[in-house]
Amino acid sequence: MFRIRFHGRGGQGMKTASRILGTAFFMEGYEVQDAPRYGAERRGAPIFAYVRADKSPVNERGIISHPDLVVVSDDTLVGMPAAGVMQGIDQHTVLLINSHESAETWSQRLNTPATVLILPAREDAREATIDRAELPYIGSSCAAASAALSNVISRDVLAKALTEELEHLGNEIVKQNLDIALTAFDAMSPHVGIVKQSFLPSATDYKKPEWIKLPFESAEISAPAIHAGITSVEVRTGLWRTMRPIINYEKCSGCWWICSTYCPDGAINVTAEGLPEIDYDHCKGCLICVAQCPPHAIESIPEHIAKQQEISAASFSGDKT
């Protein structure tokens, strides 16, 4: 499948370029998908359009993330991150830039593994602005150059596709675009066929990535250790508590790394059996552990009720003895 992306500014004809190229591919017997992608419809804003062409039905959707050819109509967009010109480019990609600079200059600037080609910018494009009555037809040039580089679209078919897409603009406009397009088509003759179809792996060929196991760091590293050196262990912050978290060990699944990590004061320790244990001398009752416990094994009760239960338990224990 051919995957081609056009980058330009609003008003430079990138949407038209994708339509001309898509129509030319279709006339050559390809299944085609072409569409523009932009936000606010205003001149000068970065936009892009894309074309997919294949002899089989095109089932891919969305933007092209691994392009075979990237065409840039305005070289000021190359260094603009928001334009996304360099997204997905690799050693397989051909980068065609409409520029007065040389391919060697751009290769050095971008330090890219892609093959860089230049579509020589016409002199009347150097000073062109959106206020001029006659703008250079950059879109037609880009579409024609792309057709030549693919080596599957003939000169005559390109001319037919361009005429079909632009005929509503009148014969004079069509003639001017046609002259410019065919000039660009001929200018790419030294590089005909340099753009190759890519074959992305299908879902049936998917291989799971090799997982890298990272050792789990100890709680003393990942969370505050209230009993470590140079801490305020003697400051019993548990006295601030109004709600007490209680662990129901019948529900506890032993995922201690969750509650102990989320505890902002490191007041949840881990026993030798791998169960969480709350240090009530320093638990301030923030109840983050209650919110984060996956099996809902940590519940909360008012502190005064917890105190009453402790007194009752102590009294019951004394009676037994």
C-alpha atoms as a PDB file:
ATOM      1  CA  MET A   1       0.000   0.000   0.000  1.00  0.00           C
ATOM      2  CA  PHE A   2       1.154   3.531  -0.787  1.00  0.00           C
ATOM      3  CA  ARG A   3       0.854   5.832   2.241  1.00  0.00           C
ATOM      4  CA  ILE A   4       1.400   9.495   1.349  1.00  0.00           C
ATOM      5  CA  ARG A   5       1.049  12.545   3.582  1.00  0.00           C
ATOM      6  CA  PHE A   6       0.851  16.186   2.412  1.00  0.00           C
ATOM      7  CA  HIS A   7       1.771  19.021   4.787  1.00  0.00           C
ATOM      8  CA  GLY A   8       1.107  22.689   4.087  1.00  0.00           C
ATOM      9  CA  ARG A   9      -0.747  25.764   5.200  1.00  0.00           C
ATOM     10  CA  GLY A  10      -4.392  26.589   4.698  1.00  0.00           C
ATOM     11  CA  GLY A  11      -4.789  28.088   1.225  1.00  0.00           C
ATOM     12  CA  GLN A  12      -1.835  26.277  -0.366  1.00  0.00           C
ATOM     13  CA  GLY A  13      -3.963  23.513  -1.879  1.00  0.00           C
ATOM     14  CA  MET A  14      -2.951  20.426   0.113  1.00  0.00           C
ATOM     15  CA  LYS A  15      -6.531  19.176   0.195  1.00  0.00           C
ATOM     16  CA  THR A  16      -6.664  19.636  -3.575  1.00  0.00           C
ATOM     17  CA  ALA A  17      -3.302  17.888  -3.961  1.00  0.00           C
ATOM     18  CA  SER A  18      -4.572  14.808  -2.128  1.00  0.00           C
ATOM     19  CA  ARG A  19      -7.713  14.752  -4.285  1.00  0.00           C
ATOM     20  CA  ILE A  20      -5.734  15.033  -7.542  1.00  0.00           C
ATOM     21  CA  LEU A  21      -3.343  12.276  -6.501  1.00  0.00           C
ATOM     22  CA  GLY A  22      -6.166  10.092  -5.190  1.00  0.00           C
ATOM     23  CA  THR A  23      -8.094  10.456  -8.448  1.00  0.00           C
ATOM     24  CA  ALA A  24      -4.963   9.630 -10.463  1.00  0.00           C
ATOM     25  CA  PHE A  25      -4.378   6.472  -8.405  1.00  0.00           C
ATOM     26  CA  PHE A  26      -8.034   5.497  -8.910  1.00  0.00           C
ATOM     27  CA  MET A  27      -7.735   5.956 -12.673  1.00  0.00           C
ATOM     28  CA  GLU A  28      -4.738   3.608 -12.599  1.00  0.00           C
ATOM     29  CA  GLY A  29      -6.863   0.880 -11.005  1.00  0.00           C
ATOM     30  CA  TYR A  30      -6.097   1.402  -7.324  1.00  0.00           C
ATOM     31  CA  GLU A  31      -8.429   1.373  -4.354  1.00  0.00           C
ATOM     32  CA  VAL A  32      -8.017   4.836  -2.846  1.00  0.00           C
ATOM     33  CA  GLN A  33      -8.614   6.730   0.369  1.00  0.00           C
ATOM     34  CA  ASP A  34      -7.842  10.449   0.555  1.00  0.00           C
ATOM     35  CA  ALA A  35      -8.843  12.998   3.164  1.00  0.00           C
ATOM     36  CA  PRO A  36      -7.709  16.309   4.677  1.00  0.00           C
ATOM     37  CA  ARG A  37      -7.100  16.889   8.379  1.00  0.00           C
ATOM     38  CA  TYR A  38      -7.257  20.347   9.919  1.00  0.00           C
ATOM     39  CA  GLY A  39      -8.868  22.343  12.693  1.00  0.00           C
ATOM     40  CA  ALA A  40      -9.989  25.926  12.207  1.00  0.00           C
ATOM     41  CA  GLU A  41     -10.612  26.641   8.540  1.00  0.00           C
ATOM     42  CA  ARG A  42      -8.323  29.623   8.112  1.00  0.00           C
ATOM     43  CA  ARG A  43      -5.528  30.530   5.763  1.00  0.00           C
ATOM     44  CA  GLY A  44      -1.997  30.125   6.990  1.00  0.00           C
ATOM     45  CA  ALA A  45      -2.757  27.493   9.645  1.00  0.00           C
ATOM     46  CA  PRO A  46      -0.814  24.208   9.383  1.00  0.00           C
ATOM     47  CA  ILE A  47      -2.895  21.421   7.867  1.00  0.00           C
ATOM     48  CA  PHE A  48      -2.222  18.040   6.321  1.00  0.00           C
ATOM     49  CA  ALA A  49      -3.942  15.607   4.011  1.00  0.00           C
ATOM     50  CA  TYR A  50      -3.229  11.985   3.251  1.00  0.00           C
ATOM     51  CA  VAL A  51      -3.662   9.408   0.518  1.00  0.00           C
ATOM     52  CA  ARG A  52      -3.716   5.623   0.758  1.00  0.00           C
ATOM     53  CA  ALA A  53      -3.691   3.560  -2.435  1.00  0.00           C
ATOM     54  CA  ASP A  54      -3.616  -0.193  -2.857  1.00  0.00           C
ATOM     55  CA  LYS A  55      -4.700  -2.868  -5.318  1.00  0.00           C
ATOM     56  CA  SER A  56      -6.686  -4.444  -2.476  1.00  0.00           C
ATOM     57  CA  PRO A  57      -9.475  -2.832  -0.439  1.00  0.00           C
ATOM     58  CA  VAL A  58      -8.116  -0.199   1.954  1.00  0.00           C
ATOM     59  CA  ASN A  59      -9.208  -1.096   5.482  1.00  0.00           C
ATOM     60  CA  GLU A  60      -6.932   1.268   7.396  1.00  0.00           C
ATOM     61  CA  ARG A  61      -8.472   4.394   8.855  1.00  0.00           C
ATOM     62  CA  GLY A  62      -7.207   7.568  10.470  1.00  0.00           C
ATOM     63  CA  ILE A  63      -4.011   9.492   9.941  1.00  0.00           C
ATOM     64  CA  ILE A  64      -0.929   7.870   8.441  1.00  0.00           C
ATOM     65  CA  SER A  65       1.607   7.186  11.185  1.00  0.00           C
ATOM     66  CA  HIS A  66       4.176   5.354   8.998  1.00  0.00           C
ATOM     67  CA  PRO A  67       4.313   7.256   5.687  1.00  0.00           C
ATOM     68  CA  ASP A  68       6.102   6.114   2.543  1.00  0.00           C
ATOM     69  CA  LEU A  69       6.178   9.696   1.234  1.00  0.00           C
ATOM     70  CA  VAL A  70       5.845  13.000   3.083  1.00  0.00           C
ATOM     71  CA  VAL A  71       5.359  16.086   0.900  1.00  0.00           C
ATOM     72  CA  VAL A  72       5.893  19.526   2.419  1.00  0.00           C
ATOM     73  CA  SER A  73       4.647  22.529   0.450  1.00  0.00           C
ATOM     74  CA  ASP A  74       5.975  25.129   2.906  1.00  0.00           C
ATOM     75  CA  ASP A  75       9.443  24.480   4.334  1.00  0.00           C
ATOM     76  CA  THR A  76       8.767  26.729   7.344  1.00  0.00           C
ATOM     77  CA  LEU A  77       6.571  23.913   8.699  1.00  0.00           C
ATOM     78  CA  VAL A  78       9.392  21.374   8.942  1.00  0.00           C
ATOM     79  CA  GLY A  79      10.718  22.714  12.236  1.00  0.00           C
ATOM     80  CA  MET A  80       7.279  23.332  13.733  1.00  0.00           C
ATOM     81  CA  PRO A  81       6.364  20.533  16.190  1.00  0.00           C
ATOM     82  CA  ALA A  82       2.640  21.309  15.968  1.00  0.00           C
ATOM     83  CA  ALA A  83       2.692  20.634  12.210  1.00  0.00           C
ATOM     84  CA  GLY A  84       3.839  17.038  12.776  1.00  0.00           C
ATOM     85  CA  VAL A  85       5.876  16.868   9.565  1.00  0.00           C
ATOM     86  CA  MET A  86       8.482  14.476  10.987  1.00  0.00           C
ATOM     87  CA  GLN A  87       6.030  12.173  12.738  1.00  0.00           C
ATOM     88  CA  GLY A  88       6.621   8.513  11.873  1.00  0.00           C
ATOM     89  CA  ILE A  89       9.442   9.168   9.404  1.00  0.00           C
ATOM     90  CA  ASP A  90      12.098   6.439   9.169  1.00  0.00           C
ATOM     91  CA  GLN A  91      14.731   5.158   6.723  1.00  0.00           C
ATOM     92  CA  HIS A  92      12.001   3.858   4.390  1.00  0.00           C
ATOM     93  CA  THR A  93      10.334   7.278   4.039  1.00  0.00           C
ATOM     94  CA  VAL A  94      10.965   9.775   1.256  1.00  0.00           C
ATOM     95  CA  LEU A  95      10.694  13.409   2.375  1.00  0.00           C
ATOM     96  CA  LEU A  96       9.915  15.811  -0.464  1.00  0.00           C
ATOM     97  CA  ILE A  97      10.235  19.501   0.471  1.00  0.00           C
ATOM     98  CA  ASN A  98       9.220  22.460  -1.670  1.00  0.00           C
ATOM     99  CA  SER A  99      12.216  24.677  -0.925  1.00  0.00           C
ATOM    100  CA  HIS A 100      14.972  26.934  -2.261  1.00  0.00           C
ATOM    101  CA  GLU A 101      17.481  25.063  -0.066  1.00  0.00           C
ATOM    102  CA  SER A 102      19.308  21.922  -1.206  1.00  0.00           C
ATOM    103  CA  ALA A 103      18.542  18.361  -0.148  1.00  0.00           C
ATOM    104  CA  GLU A 104      21.963  18.141   1.535  1.00  0.00           C
ATOM    105  CA  THR A 105      21.175  21.213   3.635  1.00  0.00           C
ATOM    106  CA  TRP A 106      17.893  19.741   4.823  1.00  0.00           C
ATOM    107  CA  SER A 107      19.453  16.351   5.537  1.00  0.00           C
ATOM    108  CA  GLN A 108      22.024  18.021   7.779  1.00  0.00           C
ATOM    109  CA  ARG A 109      19.437  20.164   9.512  1.00  0.00           C
ATOM    110  CA  LEU A 110      17.062  17.327  10.258  1.00  0.00           C
ATOM    111  CA  ASN A 111      19.573  14.520  10.857  1.00  0.00           C
ATOM    112  CA  THR A 112      16.933  12.120   9.564  1.00  0.00           C
ATOM    113  CA  PRO A 113      17.367   8.610   8.122  1.00  0.00           C
ATOM    114  CA  ALA A 114      14.760   9.425   5.463  1.00  0.00           C
ATOM    115  CA  THR A 115      15.675  10.172   1.849  1.00  0.00           C
ATOM    116  CA  VAL A 116      15.319  13.922   1.342  1.00  0.00           C
ATOM    117  CA  LEU A 117      14.374  15.330  -2.066  1.00  0.00           C
ATOM    118  CA  ILE A 118      13.696  18.885  -3.133  1.00  0.00           C
ATOM    119  CA  LEU A 119      10.838  20.127  -5.272  1.00  0.00           C
ATOM    120  CA  PRO A 120      12.447  23.370  -6.496  1.00  0.00           C
ATOM    121  CA  ALA A 121      10.340  26.291  -5.323  1.00  0.00           C
ATOM    122  CA  ARG A 122       9.465  28.724  -8.095  1.00  0.00           C
ATOM    123  CA  GLU A 123      10.690  32.275  -7.803  1.00  0.00           C
ATOM    124  CA  ASP A 124       7.151  33.654  -7.812  1.00  0.00           C
ATOM    125  CA  ALA A 125       6.490  31.656  -4.638  1.00  0.00           C
ATOM    126  CA  ARG A 126       9.273  33.350  -2.674  1.00  0.00           C
ATOM    127  CA  GLU A 127       7.359  36.581  -2.104  1.00  0.00           C
ATOM    128  CA  ALA A 128       3.854  35.184  -2.416  1.00  0.00           C
ATOM    129  CA  THR A 129       1.333  36.198   0.222  1.00  0.00           C
ATOM    130  CA  ILE A 130      -2.304  35.382   0.756  1.00  0.00           C
ATOM    131  CA  ASP A 131      -3.217  38.897  -0.434  1.00  0.00           C
ATOM    132  CA  ARG A 132      -1.842  38.412  -3.931  1.00  0.00           C
ATOM    133  CA  ALA A 133      -4.337  37.981  -6.728  1.00  0.00           C
ATOM    134  CA  GLU A 134      -2.355  35.112  -8.256  1.00  0.00           C
ATOM    135  CA  LEU A 135      -1.000  32.529  -5.866  1.00  0.00           C
ATOM    136  CA  PRO A 136       1.408  29.867  -7.114  1.00  0.00           C
ATOM    137  CA  TYR A 137      -0.308  26.524  -7.581  1.00  0.00           C
ATOM    138  CA  ILE A 138       1.788  24.589  -5.082  1.00  0.00           C
ATOM    139  CA  GLY A 139      -0.843  21.868  -4.593  1.00  0.00           C
ATOM    140  CA  SER A 140      -0.732  20.824  -8.231  1.00  0.00           C
ATOM    141  CA  SER A 141       3.076  20.682  -8.144  1.00  0.00           C
ATOM    142  CA  CYS A 142       3.083  18.503  -5.025  1.00  0.00           C
ATOM    143  CA  ALA A 143       0.482  16.104  -6.433  1.00  0.00           C
ATOM    144  CA  ALA A 144       2.367  15.765  -9.723  1.00  0.00           C
ATOM    145  CA  ALA A 145       5.723  15.199  -8.043  1.00  0.00           C
ATOM    146  CA  SER A 146       4.178  12.509  -5.841  1.00  0.00           C
ATOM    147  CA  ALA A 147       2.695  10.789  -8.869  1.00  0.00           C
ATOM    148  CA  ALA A 148       6.095  10.705 -10.579  1.00  0.00           C
ATOM    149  CA  LEU A 149       7.905   9.359  -7.516  1.00  0.00           C
ATOM    150  CA  SER A 150       5.421   6.491  -7.155  1.00  0.00           C
ATOM    151  CA  ASN A 151       6.104   5.354 -10.765  1.00  0.00           C
ATOM    152  CA  VAL A 152       2.618   3.884 -11.120  1.00  0.00           C
ATOM    153  CA  ILE A 153       0.841   6.990 -12.490  1.00  0.00           C
ATOM    154  CA  SER A 154       1.472   8.037 -16.063  1.00  0.00           C
ATOM    155  CA  ARG A 155       1.813  11.625 -17.236  1.00  0.00           C
ATOM    156  CA  ASP A 156      -1.417  11.410 -19.229  1.00  0.00           C
ATOM    157  CA  VAL A 157      -3.407   9.991 -16.327  1.00  0.00           C
ATOM    158  CA  LEU A 158      -2.111  12.731 -14.044  1.00  0.00           C
ATOM    159  CA  ALA A 159      -3.242  15.370 -16.537  1.00  0.00           C
ATOM    160  CA  LYS A 160      -6.659  13.731 -16.800  1.00  0.00           C
ATOM    161  CA  ALA A 161      -7.071  13.556 -13.010  1.00  0.00           C
ATOM    162  CA  LEU A 162      -6.041  17.192 -12.553  1.00  0.00           C
ATOM    163  CA  THR A 163      -8.445  18.349 -15.255  1.00  0.00           C
ATOM    164  CA  GLU A 164     -11.294  16.384 -13.675  1.00  0.00           C
ATOM    165  CA  GLU A 165     -10.681  17.822 -10.204  1.00  0.00           C
ATOM    166  CA  LEU A 166     -10.223  21.451 -11.318  1.00  0.00           C
ATOM    167  CA  GLU A 167     -12.532  21.779 -14.307  1.00  0.00           C
ATOM    168  CA  HIS A 168     -15.104  23.699 -12.231  1.00  0.00           C
ATOM    169  CA  LEU A 169     -12.541  26.541 -11.923  1.00  0.00           C
ATOM    170  CA  GLY A 170     -12.494  27.216 -15.652  1.00  0.00           C
ATOM    171  CA  ASN A 171     -10.227  26.374 -18.567  1.00  0.00           C
ATOM    172  CA  GLU A 172      -7.658  29.084 -17.876  1.00  0.00           C
ATOM    173  CA  ILE A 173      -7.059  27.934 -14.301  1.00  0.00           C
ATOM    174  CA  VAL A 174      -6.877  24.315 -15.422  1.00  0.00           C
ATOM    175  CA  LYS A 175      -4.300  25.190 -18.097  1.00  0.00           C
ATOM    176  CA  GLN A 176      -2.076  27.092 -15.645  1.00  0.00           C
ATOM    177  CA  ASN A 177      -2.222  24.270 -13.102  1.00  0.00           C
ATOM    178  CA  LEU A 178      -1.569  21.684 -15.779  1.00  0.00           C
ATOM    179  CA  ASP A 179       1.549  23.448 -17.034  1.00  0.00           C
ATOM    180  CA  ILE A 180       2.956  23.741 -13.516  1.00  0.00           C
ATOM    181  CA  ALA A 181       2.049  20.154 -12.621  1.00  0.00           C
ATOM    182  CA  LEU A 182       3.640  18.603 -15.683  1.00  0.00           C
ATOM    183  CA  THR A 183       6.800  20.651 -15.105  1.00  0.00           C
ATOM    184  CA  ALA A 184       6.989  19.250 -11.564  1.00  0.00           C
ATOM    185  CA  PHE A 185       6.277  15.730 -12.868  1.00  0.00           C
ATOM    186  CA  ASP A 186       9.189  15.990 -15.323  1.00  0.00           C
ATOM    187  CA  ALA A 187      11.489  17.501 -12.673  1.00  0.00           C
ATOM    188  CA  MET A 188      11.178  14.294 -10.639  1.00  0.00           C
ATOM    189  CA  SER A 189      12.355  12.076 -13.517  1.00  0.00           C
ATOM    190  CA  PRO A 190      15.766  11.326 -11.871  1.00  0.00           C
ATOM    191  CA  HIS A 191      13.928   9.884  -8.852  1.00  0.00           C
ATOM    192  CA  VAL A 192      11.074   7.970 -10.502  1.00  0.00           C
ATOM    193  CA  GLY A 193      10.081   4.925  -8.463  1.00  0.00           C
ATOM    194  CA  ILE A 194      11.989   5.931  -5.323  1.00  0.00           C
ATOM    195  CA  VAL A 195       8.787   5.731  -3.248  1.00  0.00           C
ATOM    196  CA  LYS A 196       8.091   2.095  -2.390  1.00  0.00           C
ATOM    197  CA  GLN A 197       4.950   0.561  -1.002  1.00  0.00           C
ATOM    198  CA  SER A 198       5.216  -0.503   2.629  1.00  0.00           C
ATOM    199  CA  PHE A 199       3.751  -3.595   4.187  1.00  0.00           C
ATOM    200  CA  LEU A 200       2.818  -3.168   7.818  1.00  0.00           C
ATOM    201  CA  PRO A 201       2.449  -6.345   9.906  1.00  0.00           C
ATOM    202  CA  SER A 202      -1.090  -7.631  10.187  1.00  0.00           C
ATOM    203  CA  ALA A 203      -2.873  -8.453  13.426  1.00  0.00           C
ATOM    204  CA  THR A 204      -2.252 -12.169  12.831  1.00  0.00           C
ATOM    205  CA  ASP A 205       1.506 -11.543  12.793  1.00  0.00           C
ATOM    206  CA  TYR A 206       1.464  -9.646  16.071  1.00  0.00           C
ATOM    207  CA  LYS A 207       4.063 -10.750  18.585  1.00  0.00           C
ATOM    208  CA  LYS A 208       3.871  -9.867  22.233  1.00  0.00           C
ATOM    209  CA  PRO A 209       6.682  -7.646  23.430  1.00  0.00           C
ATOM    210  CA  GLU A 210       9.265  -9.068  25.761  1.00  0.00           C
ATOM    211  CA  TRP A 211       8.472  -7.738  29.199  1.00  0.00           C
ATOM    212  CA  ILE A 212      11.245  -6.355  31.338  1.00  0.00           C
ATOM    213  CA  LYS A 213      10.890  -7.246  34.985  1.00  0.00           C
ATOM    214  CA  LEU A 214      11.812  -4.445  37.353  1.00  0.00           C
ATOM    215  CA  PRO A 215      12.618  -5.347  40.952  1.00  0.00           C
ATOM    216  CA  PHE A 216      10.152  -3.963  43.470  1.00  0.00           C
ATOM    217  CA  GLU A 217      11.864  -1.481  45.723  1.00  0.00           C
ATOM    218  CA  SER A 218      11.481  -1.690  49.447  1.00  0.00           C
ATOM    219  CA  ALA A 219       8.982   0.476  51.282  1.00  0.00           C
ATOM    220  CA  GLU A 220      11.817   2.409  52.885  1.00  0.00           C
ATOM    221  CA  ILE A 221      12.728   3.763  49.432  1.00  0.00           C
ATOM    222  CA  SER A 222       9.318   4.233  47.842  1.00  0.00           C
ATOM    223  CA  ALA A 223       7.533   5.749  50.854  1.00  0.00           C
ATOM    224  CA  PRO A 224       8.400   7.713  53.978  1.00  0.00           C
ATOM    225  CA  ALA A 225       9.753   5.505  56.756  1.00  0.00           C
ATOM    226  CA  ILE A 226       8.473   6.959  60.001  1.00  0.00           C
ATOM    227  CA  HIS A 227      10.825   4.824  62.107  1.00  0.00           C
ATOM    228  CA  ALA A 228      13.952   5.592  60.103  1.00  0.00           C
ATOM    229  CA  GLY A 229      16.716   7.850  61.335  1.00  0.00           C
ATOM    230  CA  ILE A 230      16.329  11.626  61.575  1.00  0.00           C
ATOM    231  CA  THR A 231      12.506  11.446  61.754  1.00  0.00           C
ATOM    232  CA  SER A 232       9.980  12.636  64.306  1.00  0.00           C
ATOM    233  CA  VAL A 233       9.048   9.222  65.659  1.00  0.00           C
ATOM    234  CA  GLU A 234       8.300  10.715  69.058  1.00  0.00           C
ATOM    235  CA  VAL A 235       5.669  13.031  67.609  1.00  0.00           C
ATOM    236  CA  ARG A 236       2.537  10.894  67.934  1.00  0.00           C
ATOM    237  CA  THR A 237       0.577  12.285  65.011  1.00  0.00           C
ATOM    238  CA  GLY A 238      -2.026   9.581  65.603  1.00  0.00           C
ATOM    239  CA  LEU A 239      -3.425  11.880  68.287  1.00  0.00           C
ATOM    240  CA  TRP A 240      -4.774  14.092  65.486  1.00  0.00           C
ATOM    241  CA  ARG A 241      -6.997  11.326  64.197  1.00  0.00           C
ATOM    242  CA  THR A 242     -10.809  11.566  64.270  1.00  0.00           C
ATOM    243  CA  MET A 243     -11.468   8.522  62.015  1.00  0.00           C
ATOM    244  CA  ARG A 244      -9.536   5.281  62.356  1.00  0.00           C
ATOM    245  CA  PRO A 245      -8.856   2.897  59.453  1.00  0.00           C
ATOM    246  CA  ILE A 246      -9.424  -0.759  60.378  1.00  0.00           C
ATOM    247  CA  ILE A 247      -8.098  -3.681  58.308  1.00  0.00           C
ATOM    248  CA  ASN A 248     -10.447  -6.640  57.878  1.00  0.00           C
ATOM    249  CA  TYR A 249      -7.928  -9.429  57.291  1.00  0.00           C
ATOM    250  CA  GLU A 250     -10.666 -11.802  56.105  1.00  0.00           C
ATOM    251  CA  LYS A 251     -11.118  -9.547  53.082  1.00  0.00           C
ATOM    252  CA  CYS A 252      -7.457  -8.565  52.707  1.00  0.00           C
ATOM    253  CA  SER A 253      -5.888  -9.992  49.531  1.00  0.00           C
ATOM    254  CA  GLY A 254      -2.338  -9.198  50.597  1.00  0.00           C
ATOM    255  CA  CYS A 255      -1.716  -6.440  48.037  1.00  0.00           C
ATOM    256  CA  TRP A 256       0.153  -4.455  50.662  1.00  0.00           C
ATOM    257  CA  TRP A 257       2.167  -2.478  48.118  1.00  0.00           C
ATOM    258  CA  ILE A 258      -0.938  -0.454  47.290  1.00  0.00           C
ATOM    259  CA  CYS A 259      -2.006   0.757  50.717  1.00  0.00           C
ATOM    260  CA  SER A 260       1.563   1.079  52.016  1.00  0.00           C
ATOM    261  CA  THR A 261       2.643   3.121  48.983  1.00  0.00           C
ATOM    262  CA  TYR A 262      -0.361   5.439  49.007  1.00  0.00           C
ATOM    263  CA  CYS A 263      -0.031   6.173  52.734  1.00  0.00           C
ATOM    264  CA  PRO A 264       1.497   9.672  52.743  1.00  0.00           C
ATOM    265  CA  ASP A 265       3.172   9.151  56.135  1.00  0.00           C
ATOM    266  CA  GLY A 266       4.455   5.614  55.677  1.00  0.00           C
ATOM    267  CA  ALA A 267       2.300   4.525  58.609  1.00  0.00           C
ATOM    268  CA  ILE A 268       1.432   1.150  57.077  1.00  0.00           C
ATOM    269  CA  ASN A 269       4.045  -1.507  57.709  1.00  0.00           C
ATOM    270  CA  VAL A 270       4.222  -5.012  56.275  1.00  0.00           C
ATOM    271  CA  THR A 271       4.401  -8.078  58.504  1.00  0.00           C
ATOM    272  CA  ALA A 272       6.577 -11.115  57.859  1.00  0.00           C
ATOM    273  CA  GLU A 273       3.447 -12.850  56.553  1.00  0.00           C
ATOM    274  CA  GLY A 274       3.068 -10.158  53.877  1.00  0.00           C
ATOM    275  CA  LEU A 275       0.070  -8.429  55.433  1.00  0.00           C
ATOM    276  CA  PRO A 276      -0.335  -4.688  56.007  1.00  0.00           C
ATOM    277  CA  GLU A 277      -0.302  -3.393  59.552  1.00  0.00           C
ATOM    278  CA  ILE A 278      -1.260   0.143  60.548  1.00  0.00           C
ATOM    279  CA  ASP A 279       0.958   2.110  62.925  1.00  0.00           C
ATOM    280  CA  TYR A 280      -1.743   3.915  64.904  1.00  0.00           C
ATOM    281  CA  ASP A 281       0.796   6.050  66.765  1.00  0.00           C
ATOM    282  CA  HIS A 282       1.500   7.894  63.514  1.00  0.00           C
ATOM    283  CA  CYS A 283      -1.633   7.314  61.386  1.00  0.00           C
ATOM    284  CA  LYS A 284      -3.352  10.705  61.094  1.00  0.00           C
ATOM    285  CA  GLY A 285      -6.595   9.241  59.757  1.00  0.00           C
ATOM    286  CA  CYS A 286      -6.473  10.699  56.252  1.00  0.00           C
ATOM    287  CA  LEU A 287      -8.273   7.518  55.020  1.00  0.00           C
ATOM    288  CA  ILE A 288      -6.433   7.444  51.689  1.00  0.00           C
ATOM    289  CA  CYS A 289      -5.834   3.744  52.334  1.00  0.00           C
ATOM    290  CA  VAL A 290      -9.599   3.233  52.633  1.00  0.00           C
ATOM    291  CA  ALA A 291     -10.140   4.817  49.221  1.00  0.00           C
ATOM    292  CA  GLN A 292      -7.295   2.927  47.524  1.00  0.00           C
ATOM    293  CA  CYS A 293      -7.806  -0.615  48.913  1.00  0.00           C
ATOM    294  CA  PRO A 294      -8.934  -2.772  45.911  1.00  0.00           C
ATOM    295  CA  PRO A 295     -10.864  -5.442  47.905  1.00  0.00           C
ATOM    296  CA  HIS A 296     -12.300  -2.792  50.295  1.00  0.00           C
ATOM    297  CA  ALA A 297     -10.702  -4.575  53.217  1.00  0.00           C
ATOM    298  CA  ILE A 298      -9.928  -1.306  55.016  1.00  0.00           C
ATOM    299  CA  GLU A 299     -12.864   0.342  56.692  1.00  0.00           C
ATOM    300  CA  SER A 300     -13.124   3.391  58.925  1.00  0.00           C
ATOM    301  CA  ILE A 301     -14.846   4.034  62.224  1.00  0.00           C
ATOM    302  CA  PRO A 302     -14.938   7.116  64.453  1.00  0.00           C
ATOM    303  CA  GLU A 303     -11.962   7.306  66.769  1.00  0.00           C
ATOM    304  CA  HIS A 304     -14.066   7.531  69.937  1.00  0.00           C
ATOM    305  CA  ILE A 305     -15.837   4.291  69.042  1.00  0.00           C
ATOM    306  CA  ALA A 306     -12.483   2.618  68.364  1.00  0.00           C
ATOM    307  CA  LYS A 307     -11.309   3.752  71.807  1.00  0.00           C
ATOM    308  CA  GLN A 308     -14.420   2.304  73.444  1.00  0.00           C
ATOM    309  CA  GLN A 309     -13.849  -1.009  71.660  1.00  0.00           C
ATOM    310  CA  GLU A 310     -10.247  -1.070  72.880  1.00  0.00           C
ATOM    311  CA  ILE A 311     -11.389  -0.444  76.493  1.00  0.00           C
ATOM    312  CA  SER A 312     -14.058  -3.129  76.206  1.00  0.00           C
ATOM    313  CA  ALA A 313     -11.581  -5.600  74.752  1.00  0.00           C
ATOM    314  CA  ALA A 314      -9.066  -4.858  77.517  1.00  0.00           C
ATOM    315  CA  SER A 315     -11.739  -5.268  80.213  1.00  0.00           C
ATOM    316  CA  PHE A 316     -12.941  -8.527  78.689  1.00  0.00           C
ATOM    317  CA  SER A 317      -9.368  -9.794  78.537  1.00  0.00           C
ATOM    318  CA  GLY A 318      -8.855  -8.885  82.252  1.00  0.00           C
ATOM    319  CA  ASP A 319     -12.003 -10.748  83.288  1.00  0.00           C
ATOM    320  CA  LYS A 320     -10.820 -13.841  81.476  1.00  0.00           C
ATOM    321  CA  THR A 321      -7.587 -13.872  83.448  1.00  0.00           C
END
